[in-house]
C-alpha atoms as a PDB file:
ATOM      1  CA  LEU A   1      93.131 158.954 119.881  1.00  0.00           C
ATOM      2  CA  TYR A   2      92.727 160.777 123.173  1.00  0.00           C
ATOM      3  CA  LEU A   3      90.735 164.021 122.982  1.00  0.00           C
ATOM      4  CA  GLY A   4      89.294 164.166 126.484  1.00  0.00           C
ATOM      5  CA  TYR A   5      89.090 167.412 128.475  1.00  0.00           C
ATOM      6  CA  ASN A   6      89.281 169.743 125.467  1.00  0.00           C
ATOM      7  CA  LYS A   7      85.926 171.570 125.562  1.00  0.00           C
ATOM      8  CA  ILE A   8      85.077 170.157 122.136  1.00  0.00           C
ATOM      9  CA  ASN A   9      81.450 170.905 121.262  1.00  0.00           C
ATOM     10  CA  SER A  10      81.265 169.277 117.834  1.00  0.00           C
ATOM     11  CA  ILE A  11      83.245 166.531 116.188  1.00  0.00           C
ATOM     12  CA  PRO A  12      84.919 167.470 112.903  1.00  0.00           C
ATOM     13  CA  LEU A  13      83.799 165.072 110.174  1.00  0.00           C
ATOM     14  CA  GLU A  14      87.432 164.662 109.101  1.00  0.00           C
ATOM     15  CA  LEU A  15      87.910 162.544 112.216  1.00  0.00           C
ATOM     16  CA  PHE A  16      85.766 159.838 110.644  1.00  0.00           C
ATOM     17  CA  LYS A  17      88.247 159.478 107.790  1.00  0.00           C
ATOM     18  CA  LEU A  18      90.623 157.747 110.210  1.00  0.00           C
ATOM     19  CA  SER A  19      89.365 154.339 109.102  1.00  0.00           C
ATOM     20  CA  ASN A  20      91.997 152.377 111.059  1.00  0.00           C
ATOM     21  CA  LEU A  21      91.165 154.083 114.362  1.00  0.00           C
ATOM     22  CA  GLU A  22      90.579 151.556 117.140  1.00  0.00           C
ATOM     23  CA  TYR A  23      90.324 153.697 120.283  1.00  0.00           C
ATOM     24  CA  LEU A  24      88.595 157.059 120.531  1.00  0.00           C
ATOM     25  CA  TYR A  25      88.315 158.945 123.811  1.00  0.00           C
ATOM     26  CA  LEU A  26      86.123 162.051 123.746  1.00  0.00           C
ATOM     27  CA  HIS A  27      85.126 162.191 127.408  1.00  0.00           C
ATOM     28  CA  ASN A  28      84.694 165.371 129.427  1.00  0.00           C
ATOM     29  CA  ASN A  29      83.883 167.628 126.508  1.00  0.00           C
ATOM     30  CA  GLU A  30      80.772 169.538 125.470  1.00  0.00           C
ATOM     31  CA  ILE A  31      79.622 167.377 122.558  1.00  0.00           C
ATOM     32  CA  ASP A  32      75.861 167.488 122.063  1.00  0.00           C
ATOM     33  CA  ILE A  33      75.413 165.742 118.711  1.00  0.00           C
ATOM     34  CA  PHE A  34      77.246 162.572 117.807  1.00  0.00           C
ATOM     35  CA  PRO A  35      77.374 162.185 113.999  1.00  0.00           C
ATOM     36  CA  LYS A  36      76.122 159.149 112.121  1.00  0.00           C
ATOM     37  CA  GLU A  37      79.474 159.165 110.295  1.00  0.00           C
ATOM     38  CA  ILE A  38      80.689 156.942 113.134  1.00  0.00           C
ATOM     39  CA  LYS A  39      79.760 154.153 110.704  1.00  0.00           C
ATOM     40  CA  PHE A  40      83.038 154.807 108.877  1.00  0.00           C
ATOM     41  CA  LEU A  41      85.118 153.814 111.904  1.00  0.00           C
ATOM     42  CA  THR A  42      84.649 150.120 111.231  1.00  0.00           C
ATOM     43  CA  LYS A  43      87.714 149.071 113.247  1.00  0.00           C
ATOM     44  CA  ILE A  44      86.754 150.978 116.401  1.00  0.00           C
ATOM     45  CA  ILE A  45      87.080 148.846 119.544  1.00  0.00           C
ATOM     46  CA  THR A  46      86.603 151.409 122.317  1.00  0.00           C
ATOM     47  CA  LEU A  47      84.494 154.561 122.147  1.00  0.00           C
ATOM     48  CA  CYS A  48      84.411 156.739 125.255  1.00  0.00           C
ATOM     49  CA  LEU A  49      81.818 159.527 125.288  1.00  0.00           C
ATOM     50  CA  ASN A  50      81.390 159.982 129.051  1.00  0.00           C
ATOM     51  CA  LYS A  51      80.477 163.382 130.463  1.00  0.00           C
ATOM     52  CA  ASN A  52      79.237 165.206 127.381  1.00  0.00           C
ATOM     53  CA  GLN A  53      75.841 166.656 126.430  1.00  0.00           C
ATOM     54  CA  ILE A  54      74.770 163.891 124.041  1.00  0.00           C
ATOM     55  CA  THR A  55      71.015 163.293 123.958  1.00  0.00           C
ATOM     56  CA  ILE A  56      70.773 160.815 121.077  1.00  0.00           C
ATOM     57  CA  LEU A  57      73.208 158.232 119.741  1.00  0.00           C
ATOM     58  CA  PRO A  58      73.053 157.396 116.041  1.00  0.00           C
ATOM     59  CA  MET A  59      71.700 153.954 115.171  1.00  0.00           C
ATOM     60  CA  GLU A  60      74.836 153.362 113.100  1.00  0.00           C
ATOM     61  CA  ILE A  61      76.725 152.557 116.315  1.00  0.00           C
ATOM     62  CA  GLY A  62      74.863 149.250 116.314  1.00  0.00           C
ATOM     63  CA  ASN A  63      76.613 148.230 113.089  1.00  0.00           C
ATOM     64  CA  LEU A  64      80.136 148.564 114.483  1.00  0.00           C
ATOM     65  CA  THR A  65      80.986 144.878 114.763  1.00  0.00           C
ATOM     66  CA  ASN A  66      84.404 145.404 116.396  1.00  0.00           C
ATOM     67  CA  LEU A  67      83.058 147.706 119.119  1.00  0.00           C
ATOM     68  CA  GLU A  68      83.693 146.084 122.502  1.00  0.00           C
ATOM     69  CA  SER A  69      83.427 149.066 124.862  1.00  0.00           C
ATOM     70  CA  LEU A  70      80.978 151.942 124.587  1.00  0.00           C
ATOM     71  CA  TRP A  71      81.175 154.354 127.506  1.00  0.00           C
ATOM     72  CA  ILE A  72      78.312 156.847 127.589  1.00  0.00           C
ATOM     73  CA  TYR A  73      77.549 157.603 131.219  1.00  0.00           C
ATOM     74  CA  TYR A  74      76.819 161.139 132.400  1.00  0.00           C
ATOM     75  CA  ASN A  75      75.082 162.171 129.185  1.00  0.00           C
ATOM     76  CA  PRO A  76      71.463 163.375 129.093  1.00  0.00           C
ATOM     77  CA  LEU A  77      70.412 160.553 126.767  1.00  0.00           C
ATOM     78  CA  THR A  78      66.707 160.360 126.021  1.00  0.00           C
END
């Protein structure tokens, strides 16, 4: 699912109902909070969050056993 360059500032929780989603591209948006509901995307392989306003990633990302690529550069992570 490619949602880059859309000026998205928050992720609708309905997105996390796509349980078979493997690739999610949200780069170049205005996202500041990344929801812990990411835990429901158990088949996710690639998650691209580059160039947003994210300061904290949820710990639930660490439980995504299929995740191979996590792109998070150009975020003001603390």
